[in-house]
């Protein structure tokens, strides 16, 4: 891998420990890390990239996704439903998917993320119809070129046992735990700078048993991997927890070992003050998914209160069946706007929202070597061209979330170029989209 020298950067937003913003600097990438930051760096044998007129940031980090859903956007009958009704409409469609649909849908979702500046994404895959495996999405991430944190999700309580999913989509709990061990042993890389790490992620309190939640936590800690699930997503979720378990979601999580710096929960829209304090005290992370929460009418997560209390918060685009898009820079803007709607115009600055989208998400995923631009950190870099119409007339080009492009110009992951001049450089995007549409049409005809 040759060195890359990014030259003539108008503004470098480092998100380092001092939150420095540097002007007129160069950036050298070597061996997968940031090797040098300074002015007038010698190019030597390095490949040069001109960033004149551009803002450079750390690559964005996506902490919650369901990549398989990229094939089921805007499904009639699910467009205006609340969470539980939305799931019940889509479960039979997802049950008709297989390995090919999982692979292609993941490629599309990851490509969309890359074009929006994302270099590291998690994924929560909790159903495995017709021979699909977590390995399908890992293969997709390898081809697109993103750093990947897939989680082996699961559902074990079907409709016949009082759960939400159809019985055809649930698995035996012994089989779930066995496959968790398999995928961790096959794919998890605990080293600094790893391209793939694997987590364990039972889907939700309404689709798995207490025993599986507890056993998953024990297994994850034995294997040294992280834990992930959905929690406190909407009022239906809270009502289910109170009726079924006799407690709120935060207590349920704590009782089963689901708090700590190795745990992050998706949504958390309805956490109360005591639960926020619990998460802050235990350093339990939250994946905030503002667009999906709006789309499903779930509410506005108390991100301001979480951040003020010290809860680690990252951003997630969630699945494309509930967001319908996977644009992470747009997600960051939405998070800023919603906190202002809820708490006032000074509730969240564009720079704070960008911080949540970069180092905030990296910290939630246990990746402090990512999400910031500093010597020795990973070479995950996004270059944003601010000479276009979106930034025309902007007095502060670094305020990307107020007046900036929603598509990245160049993207580097581990020092390798994934997006060049606004185009994906690792796969043929036109062919990929055509294949996705063909498979989606076939899926619609089957169901």
Protein backbone atom coordinates (compact mmCIF):
# COMPACT_ATOMS: atom_id res chain seq x y z
CA UNK A 1 0.00 0.00 0.00
CA UNK A 2 1.57 3.29 -1.11
CA UNK A 3 1.59 6.41 1.03
CA UNK A 4 -1.10 9.03 0.40
CA UNK A 5 -0.41 12.75 0.80
CA UNK A 6 -3.55 14.90 1.04
CA UNK A 7 -2.38 18.42 0.24
CA UNK A 8 -3.69 21.96 0.54
CA UNK A 9 -6.54 21.16 2.95
CA UNK A 10 -8.59 24.29 3.51
CA UNK A 11 -9.85 23.11 6.91
CA UNK A 12 -9.01 19.93 8.80
CA UNK A 13 -11.52 19.12 11.54
CA UNK A 14 -9.46 16.69 13.59
CA UNK A 15 -11.87 15.68 16.38
CA UNK A 16 -8.69 14.95 18.33
CA UNK A 17 -8.58 15.31 22.11
CA UNK A 18 -8.23 19.10 21.76
CA UNK A 19 -10.86 19.31 18.96
CA UNK A 20 -8.39 21.24 16.82
CA UNK A 21 -9.39 22.75 13.49
CA UNK A 22 -6.37 23.38 11.29
CA UNK A 23 -6.19 25.44 8.10
CA UNK A 24 -3.85 25.19 5.13
CA UNK A 25 -2.34 21.84 6.14
CA UNK A 26 -1.28 18.56 4.55
CA UNK A 27 -1.99 15.06 5.81
CA UNK A 28 0.15 11.97 5.19
CA UNK A 29 -1.35 8.47 5.39
CA UNK A 30 1.06 5.55 5.66
CA UNK A 31 0.67 1.92 6.68
CA UNK A 32 -3.01 2.36 7.47
CA UNK A 33 -2.50 5.21 9.94
CA UNK A 34 -2.15 8.99 9.98
CA UNK A 35 1.63 9.43 9.82
CA UNK A 36 2.05 13.21 9.68
CA UNK A 37 0.09 16.46 9.83
CA UNK A 38 1.73 19.73 8.84
CA UNK A 39 2.30 22.42 6.27
CA UNK A 40 4.33 21.91 3.10
CA UNK A 41 4.95 18.20 3.61
CA UNK A 42 7.26 16.60 1.06
CA UNK A 43 5.47 14.19 -1.24
CA UNK A 44 8.38 11.88 -1.98
CA UNK A 45 6.94 8.72 -3.53
CA UNK A 46 3.47 9.26 -2.04
CA UNK A 47 0.38 9.46 -4.20
CA UNK A 48 -0.97 13.01 -3.86
CA UNK A 49 -4.57 14.13 -3.52
CA UNK A 50 -5.36 17.85 -3.80
CA UNK A 51 -7.85 19.00 -1.16
CA UNK A 52 -7.90 22.68 -2.11
CA UNK A 53 -11.39 24.04 -1.41
CA UNK A 54 -12.21 21.07 0.80
CA UNK A 55 -12.95 20.30 4.43
CA UNK A 56 -11.40 17.10 5.75
CA UNK A 57 -12.89 15.16 8.66
CA UNK A 58 -12.46 11.77 10.26
CA UNK A 59 -14.56 9.12 8.54
CA UNK A 60 -18.05 8.96 10.01
CA UNK A 61 -19.10 6.01 12.17
CA UNK A 62 -22.46 4.24 11.92
CA UNK A 63 -23.40 2.42 15.13
CA UNK A 64 -26.69 0.78 14.08
CA UNK A 65 -27.94 -0.65 10.81
CA UNK A 66 -29.92 -3.55 9.36
CA UNK A 67 -28.23 -3.85 6.00
CA UNK A 68 -30.56 -6.57 4.74
CA UNK A 69 -33.40 -4.03 4.75
CA UNK A 70 -31.88 -2.03 1.88
CA UNK A 71 -33.87 -4.33 -0.40
CA UNK A 72 -37.21 -3.44 1.23
CA UNK A 73 -37.45 0.35 1.12
CA UNK A 74 -40.82 2.08 1.02
CA UNK A 75 -42.87 -1.14 1.15
CA UNK A 76 -46.63 -0.42 0.76
CA UNK A 77 -48.50 -1.24 3.93
CA UNK A 78 -45.46 -0.52 6.09
CA UNK A 79 -45.00 3.13 5.16
CA UNK A 80 -47.32 4.55 7.81
CA UNK A 81 -47.19 1.95 10.58
CA UNK A 82 -45.82 2.15 14.10
CA UNK A 83 -42.95 -0.17 15.07
CA UNK A 84 -44.85 -3.36 15.91
CA UNK A 85 -47.24 -3.14 12.94
CA UNK A 86 -44.35 -2.24 10.67
CA UNK A 87 -42.47 -5.37 11.77
CA UNK A 88 -45.51 -7.62 11.31
CA UNK A 89 -45.93 -6.38 7.74
CA UNK A 90 -42.27 -6.91 6.84
CA UNK A 91 -41.43 -10.18 8.59
CA UNK A 92 -43.10 -12.37 5.89
CA UNK A 93 -41.21 -10.49 3.16
CA UNK A 94 -37.86 -10.88 4.91
CA UNK A 95 -38.60 -14.58 5.40
CA UNK A 96 -38.36 -15.02 1.61
CA UNK A 97 -34.80 -13.64 1.45
CA UNK A 98 -31.70 -15.80 1.15
CA UNK A 99 -27.88 -15.51 0.97
CA UNK A 100 -27.87 -13.65 -2.35
CA UNK A 101 -30.36 -11.04 -1.15
CA UNK A 102 -28.42 -10.59 2.10
CA UNK A 103 -25.12 -10.13 0.26
CA UNK A 104 -26.37 -7.69 -2.37
CA UNK A 105 -28.50 -5.69 0.06
CA UNK A 106 -25.50 -5.32 2.37
CA UNK A 107 -23.33 -4.16 -0.52
CA UNK A 108 -25.88 -1.51 -1.47
CA UNK A 109 -26.27 -0.32 2.11
CA UNK A 110 -22.53 -0.11 2.67
CA UNK A 111 -21.97 1.66 -0.65
CA UNK A 112 -24.59 4.23 0.31
CA UNK A 113 -22.86 4.76 3.65
CA UNK A 114 -19.46 5.17 1.99
CA UNK A 115 -20.78 7.87 -0.33
CA UNK A 116 -22.07 9.75 2.72
CA UNK A 117 -18.64 9.74 4.39
CA UNK A 118 -18.86 6.63 6.54
CA UNK A 119 -15.73 4.52 7.05
CA UNK A 120 -16.84 2.24 9.92
CA UNK A 121 -20.27 0.63 10.22
CA UNK A 122 -21.88 -1.82 12.55
CA UNK A 123 -24.72 -4.07 11.42
CA UNK A 124 -27.43 -5.90 13.36
CA UNK A 125 -28.51 -9.03 11.49
CA UNK A 126 -31.06 -10.96 13.53
CA UNK A 127 -32.78 -13.23 10.98
CA UNK A 128 -31.27 -15.93 8.81
CA UNK A 129 -33.84 -17.29 6.35
CA UNK A 130 -33.10 -19.91 3.69
CA UNK A 131 -29.46 -20.50 4.59
CA UNK A 132 -28.39 -16.88 5.01
CA UNK A 133 -25.47 -16.30 7.39
CA UNK A 134 -23.64 -13.38 8.97
CA UNK A 135 -20.76 -14.31 6.68
CA UNK A 136 -22.77 -12.96 3.72
CA UNK A 137 -22.60 -9.41 5.07
CA UNK A 138 -18.94 -9.72 6.05
CA UNK A 139 -18.13 -10.68 2.47
CA UNK A 140 -20.08 -7.65 1.24
CA UNK A 141 -18.14 -5.28 3.52
CA UNK A 142 -14.86 -6.75 2.31
CA UNK A 143 -15.78 -5.98 -1.31
CA UNK A 144 -17.00 -2.44 -0.61
CA UNK A 145 -13.96 -1.75 1.58
CA UNK A 146 -15.50 -0.40 4.79
CA UNK A 147 -14.36 -1.20 8.30
CA UNK A 148 -17.10 -3.46 9.69
CA UNK A 149 -18.59 -4.44 13.05
CA UNK A 150 -21.32 -6.99 12.29
CA UNK A 151 -23.32 -8.44 15.16
CA UNK A 152 -24.80 -11.93 15.28
CA UNK A 153 -28.40 -11.12 16.12
CA UNK A 154 -31.16 -13.58 16.90
CA UNK A 155 -34.85 -14.12 17.55
CA UNK A 156 -36.04 -17.11 19.58
CA UNK A 157 -39.62 -16.34 20.65
CA UNK A 158 -42.14 -16.63 17.83
CA UNK A 159 -45.83 -15.83 17.64
CA UNK A 160 -46.87 -19.19 19.08
CA UNK A 161 -44.95 -18.36 22.28
CA UNK A 162 -46.25 -14.80 22.57
CA UNK A 163 -43.47 -13.11 20.60
CA UNK A 164 -43.76 -10.76 17.66
CA UNK A 165 -41.91 -12.57 14.82
CA UNK A 166 -43.43 -15.49 12.90
CA UNK A 167 -42.24 -18.91 14.05
CA UNK A 168 -40.46 -19.44 10.70
CA UNK A 169 -37.93 -16.72 11.55
CA UNK A 170 -36.95 -17.83 15.06
CA UNK A 171 -34.12 -20.19 16.00
CA UNK A 172 -33.40 -22.60 18.83
CA UNK A 173 -31.39 -20.82 21.49
CA UNK A 174 -28.72 -23.53 21.63
CA UNK A 175 -28.22 -23.12 17.86
CA UNK A 176 -27.96 -19.35 18.22
CA UNK A 177 -25.22 -19.55 20.82
CA UNK A 178 -23.37 -22.19 18.80
CA UNK A 179 -23.36 -19.99 15.70
CA UNK A 180 -22.25 -16.98 17.74
CA UNK A 181 -19.16 -18.95 18.72
CA UNK A 182 -18.61 -19.99 15.10
CA UNK A 183 -18.71 -16.47 13.64
CA UNK A 184 -16.57 -14.99 16.40
CA UNK A 185 -13.93 -17.68 15.96
CA UNK A 186 -14.05 -17.30 12.18
CA UNK A 187 -14.11 -13.51 11.80
CA UNK A 188 -13.49 -11.49 14.97
CA UNK A 189 -10.21 -9.57 15.05
CA UNK A 190 -9.44 -7.91 18.38
CA UNK A 191 -6.29 -6.15 17.15
CA UNK A 192 -5.97 -2.38 16.85
CA UNK A 193 -6.97 -1.34 13.34
CA UNK A 194 -8.99 -4.50 12.69
CA UNK A 195 -11.19 -4.40 9.61
CA UNK A 196 -13.74 -6.82 11.13
CA UNK A 197 -14.96 -7.23 14.67
CA UNK A 198 -17.99 -9.31 15.61
CA UNK A 199 -20.55 -8.68 18.35
CA UNK A 200 -23.45 -10.64 19.85
CA UNK A 201 -26.89 -9.07 19.49
CA UNK A 202 -30.16 -10.78 20.49
CA UNK A 203 -32.74 -8.71 18.67
CA UNK A 204 -34.90 -7.24 21.41
CA UNK A 205 -36.67 -7.99 24.70
CA UNK A 206 -39.83 -8.92 22.77
CA UNK A 207 -38.17 -11.53 20.52
CA UNK A 208 -35.78 -13.47 22.78
CA UNK A 209 -35.94 -14.98 26.27
CA UNK A 210 -34.35 -13.73 29.46
CA UNK A 211 -32.16 -16.84 29.40
CA UNK A 212 -30.78 -16.01 25.97
CA UNK A 213 -30.08 -12.41 26.97
CA UNK A 214 -28.20 -13.61 30.06
CA UNK A 215 -26.34 -16.37 28.23
CA UNK A 216 -25.40 -14.00 25.40
CA UNK A 217 -23.85 -11.59 27.91
CA UNK A 218 -21.85 -14.38 29.52
CA UNK A 219 -20.65 -15.65 26.15
CA UNK A 220 -19.70 -12.19 24.91
CA UNK A 221 -17.56 -11.53 27.97
CA UNK A 222 -15.94 -14.94 27.72
CA UNK A 223 -15.05 -14.20 24.08
CA UNK A 224 -14.14 -10.54 24.66
CA UNK A 225 -16.69 -9.14 22.20
CA UNK A 226 -19.34 -6.44 22.49
CA UNK A 227 -23.10 -6.71 23.07
CA UNK A 228 -25.87 -4.94 21.19
CA UNK A 229 -29.68 -4.90 21.13
CA UNK A 230 -32.73 -2.63 20.71
CA UNK A 231 -33.99 -0.95 23.87
CA UNK A 232 -36.70 1.52 24.88
CA UNK A 233 -37.50 2.36 21.27
CA UNK A 234 -41.08 3.63 21.72
CA UNK A 235 -44.08 3.58 24.04
CA UNK A 236 -45.08 0.09 22.84
CA UNK A 237 -41.64 -1.12 23.87
CA UNK A 238 -42.00 0.35 27.37
CA UNK A 239 -45.51 -1.07 27.80
CA UNK A 240 -44.32 -4.53 26.72
CA UNK A 241 -41.44 -4.45 29.22
CA UNK A 242 -43.69 -3.37 32.10
CA UNK A 243 -46.34 -5.98 31.27
CA UNK A 244 -43.98 -8.86 30.51
CA UNK A 245 -41.10 -8.25 32.92
CA UNK A 246 -42.57 -5.98 35.56
CA UNK A 247 -39.85 -3.37 35.09
CA UNK A 248 -38.60 -0.69 32.74
CA UNK A 249 -36.07 -1.56 30.00
CA UNK A 250 -33.12 -0.10 31.88
CA UNK A 251 -33.68 -2.34 34.90
CA UNK A 252 -34.25 -5.32 32.59
CA UNK A 253 -30.90 -4.64 30.92
CA UNK A 254 -29.07 -4.18 34.21
CA UNK A 255 -30.53 -7.34 35.75
CA UNK A 256 -29.32 -9.46 32.83
CA UNK A 257 -25.79 -8.05 32.60
CA UNK A 258 -26.52 -5.73 29.71
CA UNK A 259 -24.80 -2.59 30.97
CA UNK A 260 -21.16 -1.58 30.75
CA UNK A 261 -18.64 -0.15 28.27
CA UNK A 262 -18.87 -3.34 26.19
CA UNK A 263 -22.62 -2.80 25.57
CA UNK A 264 -24.46 -0.41 23.29
CA UNK A 265 -28.22 -0.18 22.85
CA UNK A 266 -30.07 1.11 19.79
CA UNK A 267 -32.65 3.92 19.97
CA UNK A 268 -33.25 4.49 23.72
CA UNK A 269 -35.89 7.06 22.79
CA UNK A 270 -37.84 6.52 26.00
CA UNK A 271 -35.09 6.28 28.61
CA UNK A 272 -36.05 8.11 31.78
CA UNK A 273 -33.75 10.04 34.11
CA UNK A 274 -32.82 7.03 36.23
CA UNK A 275 -31.97 4.98 33.15
CA UNK A 276 -29.84 7.79 31.74
CA UNK A 277 -27.95 7.93 35.05
CA UNK A 278 -27.50 4.14 34.93
CA UNK A 279 -26.04 4.29 31.43
CA UNK A 280 -23.75 7.19 32.38
CA UNK A 281 -22.51 5.43 35.51
CA UNK A 282 -21.80 2.17 33.69
CA UNK A 283 -20.56 3.80 30.42
CA UNK A 284 -23.22 1.93 28.45
CA UNK A 285 -23.42 3.24 24.88
CA UNK A 286 -26.39 4.41 22.83
CA UNK A 287 -26.90 4.30 19.05
CA UNK A 288 -29.10 7.32 18.28
CA UNK A 289 -31.20 6.84 15.10
CA UNK A 290 -33.07 10.11 14.56
CA UNK A 291 -34.45 9.58 11.04
CA UNK A 292 -35.84 6.12 11.79
CA UNK A 293 -37.33 7.39 15.05
CA UNK A 294 -39.09 10.15 13.08
CA UNK A 295 -40.23 7.80 10.32
CA UNK A 296 -41.83 5.35 12.80
CA UNK A 297 -43.20 8.09 15.04
CA UNK A 298 -41.19 6.78 18.00
CA UNK A 299 -40.21 10.19 19.34
CA UNK A 300 -37.05 12.22 19.95
CA UNK A 301 -34.36 10.53 22.01
CA UNK A 302 -33.10 12.59 24.99
CA UNK A 303 -29.63 12.99 23.50
CA UNK A 304 -28.98 16.33 25.16
CA UNK A 305 -29.68 14.83 28.58
CA UNK A 306 -27.60 11.74 27.73
CA UNK A 307 -24.60 13.78 26.59
CA UNK A 308 -24.81 16.09 29.59
CA UNK A 309 -24.88 13.08 31.93
CA UNK A 310 -21.89 11.47 30.21
CA UNK A 311 -23.59 8.66 28.28
CA UNK A 312 -21.52 7.58 25.24
CA UNK A 313 -23.66 8.38 22.18
CA UNK A 314 -23.10 7.54 18.53
CA UNK A 315 -25.26 7.81 15.42
CA UNK A 316 -27.05 5.07 13.51
CA UNK A 317 -28.96 5.22 10.24
CA UNK A 318 -30.96 2.09 11.22
CA UNK A 319 -32.40 -0.14 8.51
CA UNK A 320 -33.48 1.24 5.17
CA UNK A 321 -36.98 -0.16 5.68
CA UNK A 322 -37.52 2.30 8.54
CA UNK A 323 -35.26 5.15 7.45
CA UNK A 324 -35.48 4.53 3.70
CA UNK A 325 -32.04 6.10 3.38
CA UNK A 326 -28.56 5.41 4.68
CA UNK A 327 -26.89 8.82 4.50
CA UNK A 328 -24.88 9.30 7.68
CA UNK A 329 -23.99 12.98 7.20
CA UNK A 330 -27.72 13.68 6.74
CA UNK A 331 -28.39 11.66 9.91
CA UNK A 332 -25.98 13.89 11.81
CA UNK A 333 -27.80 17.01 10.61
CA UNK A 334 -31.14 15.49 11.63
CA UNK A 335 -29.82 14.73 15.11
CA UNK A 336 -28.79 18.36 15.52
CA UNK A 337 -32.13 19.69 14.29
CA UNK A 338 -34.23 17.42 16.50
CA UNK A 339 -32.36 18.41 19.66
CA UNK A 340 -32.98 22.04 18.73
CA UNK A 341 -36.68 21.36 18.15
CA UNK A 342 -36.92 19.73 21.54
CA UNK A 343 -34.58 21.89 23.61
CA UNK A 344 -33.98 25.19 21.82
CA UNK A 345 -31.76 26.59 19.07
CA UNK A 346 -28.63 26.42 21.22
CA UNK A 347 -29.17 22.80 22.28
CA UNK A 348 -26.69 21.27 19.82
CA UNK A 349 -24.10 22.87 17.57
CA UNK A 350 -23.15 21.48 14.17
CA UNK A 351 -19.71 20.65 15.53
CA UNK A 352 -21.13 18.66 18.44
CA UNK A 353 -23.36 16.69 16.08
CA UNK A 354 -20.34 16.00 13.86
CA UNK A 355 -18.42 14.86 16.93
CA UNK A 356 -21.19 12.38 17.76
CA UNK A 357 -20.98 11.10 14.18
CA UNK A 358 -17.21 10.58 14.35
CA UNK A 359 -15.36 10.02 17.61
CA UNK A 360 -18.65 9.54 19.48
CA UNK A 361 -19.59 6.53 17.38
CA UNK A 362 -16.04 5.16 17.39
CA UNK A 363 -15.98 5.25 21.19
CA UNK A 364 -19.38 3.53 21.42
CA UNK A 365 -17.99 0.69 19.26
CA UNK A 366 -14.84 0.43 21.36
CA UNK A 367 -12.63 1.84 18.58
CA UNK A 368 -10.71 4.83 20.02
CA UNK A 369 -8.20 4.47 17.19
CA UNK A 370 -10.94 5.61 14.80
CA UNK A 371 -13.17 8.68 14.61
CA UNK A 372 -10.43 11.29 14.96
CA UNK A 373 -7.53 12.55 12.83
CA UNK A 374 -4.30 12.43 14.81
CA UNK A 375 -0.86 10.94 14.30
CA UNK A 376 -1.02 7.21 14.98
CA UNK A 377 -4.79 6.94 14.55
CA UNK A 378 -6.27 4.95 11.69
CA UNK A 379 -6.25 6.48 8.22
CA UNK A 380 -10.04 6.71 7.88
CA UNK A 381 -10.51 10.06 6.18
CA UNK A 382 -13.42 11.89 4.48
CA UNK A 383 -12.83 14.79 2.07
CA UNK A 384 -15.78 17.15 1.50
CA UNK A 385 -15.71 19.58 -1.43
CA UNK A 386 -17.17 22.87 -0.18
CA UNK A 387 -16.94 24.67 -3.53
CA UNK A 388 -20.37 23.49 -4.64
CA UNK A 389 -23.83 25.00 -4.44
CA UNK A 390 -24.54 23.63 -0.95
CA UNK A 391 -21.75 25.72 0.60
CA UNK A 392 -21.96 28.76 -1.66
CA UNK A 393 -22.02 31.86 0.54
CA UNK A 394 -21.16 29.96 3.73
CA UNK A 395 -19.09 32.01 6.18
CA UNK A 396 -18.00 28.87 8.03
CA UNK A 397 -17.25 25.97 5.67
CA UNK A 398 -16.40 23.80 8.67
CA UNK A 399 -20.05 23.96 9.73
CA UNK A 400 -20.77 21.14 7.29
CA UNK A 401 -24.11 20.25 8.87
CA UNK A 402 -25.47 23.74 8.28
CA UNK A 403 -24.23 24.34 4.74
CA UNK A 404 -22.31 21.50 3.23
CA UNK A 405 -22.45 18.62 0.78
CA UNK A 406 -24.33 15.44 1.64
CA UNK A 407 -22.01 13.33 -0.52
CA UNK A 408 -18.30 12.89 0.11
CA UNK A 409 -15.74 13.67 -2.62
CA UNK A 410 -13.05 11.20 -1.50
CA UNK A 411 -13.00 8.54 1.19
CA UNK A 412 -10.10 6.55 2.59
CA UNK A 413 -10.40 3.52 4.86
CA UNK A 414 -7.20 2.20 6.42
CA UNK A 415 -5.44 4.40 3.87
CA UNK A 416 -7.14 2.73 0.88
CA UNK A 417 -9.34 4.83 -1.39
CA UNK A 418 -12.97 3.70 -1.41
CA UNK A 419 -14.55 6.80 -2.98
CA UNK A 420 -12.77 8.91 -5.60
CA UNK A 421 -14.20 12.14 -6.99
CA UNK A 422 -17.66 11.24 -5.72
CA UNK A 423 -17.68 7.76 -7.23
CA UNK A 424 -17.30 4.39 -5.55
CA UNK A 425 -13.94 2.97 -6.58
CA UNK A 426 -14.22 -0.59 -5.28
CA UNK A 427 -17.26 -1.97 -7.17
CA UNK A 428 -19.36 -1.02 -10.18
CA UNK A 429 -22.21 0.84 -8.51
CA UNK A 430 -24.44 0.87 -11.60
CA UNK A 431 -24.33 -2.89 -11.92
CA UNK A 432 -24.88 -3.29 -8.18
CA UNK A 433 -28.00 -1.10 -8.19
CA UNK A 434 -29.36 -2.95 -11.21
CA UNK A 435 -28.89 -6.27 -9.43
CA UNK A 436 -30.52 -4.96 -6.25
CA UNK A 437 -33.58 -3.77 -8.16
CA UNK A 438 -33.87 -7.09 -9.97
CA UNK A 439 -33.74 -9.03 -6.70
CA UNK A 440 -36.19 -6.66 -5.01
CA UNK A 441 -38.66 -7.16 -7.86
CA UNK A 442 -38.31 -10.94 -7.57
CA UNK A 443 -38.83 -10.68 -3.80
CA UNK A 444 -42.00 -8.66 -4.32
CA UNK A 445 -43.33 -11.22 -6.79
CA UNK A 446 -42.68 -14.07 -4.33
CA UNK A 447 -44.53 -12.37 -1.49
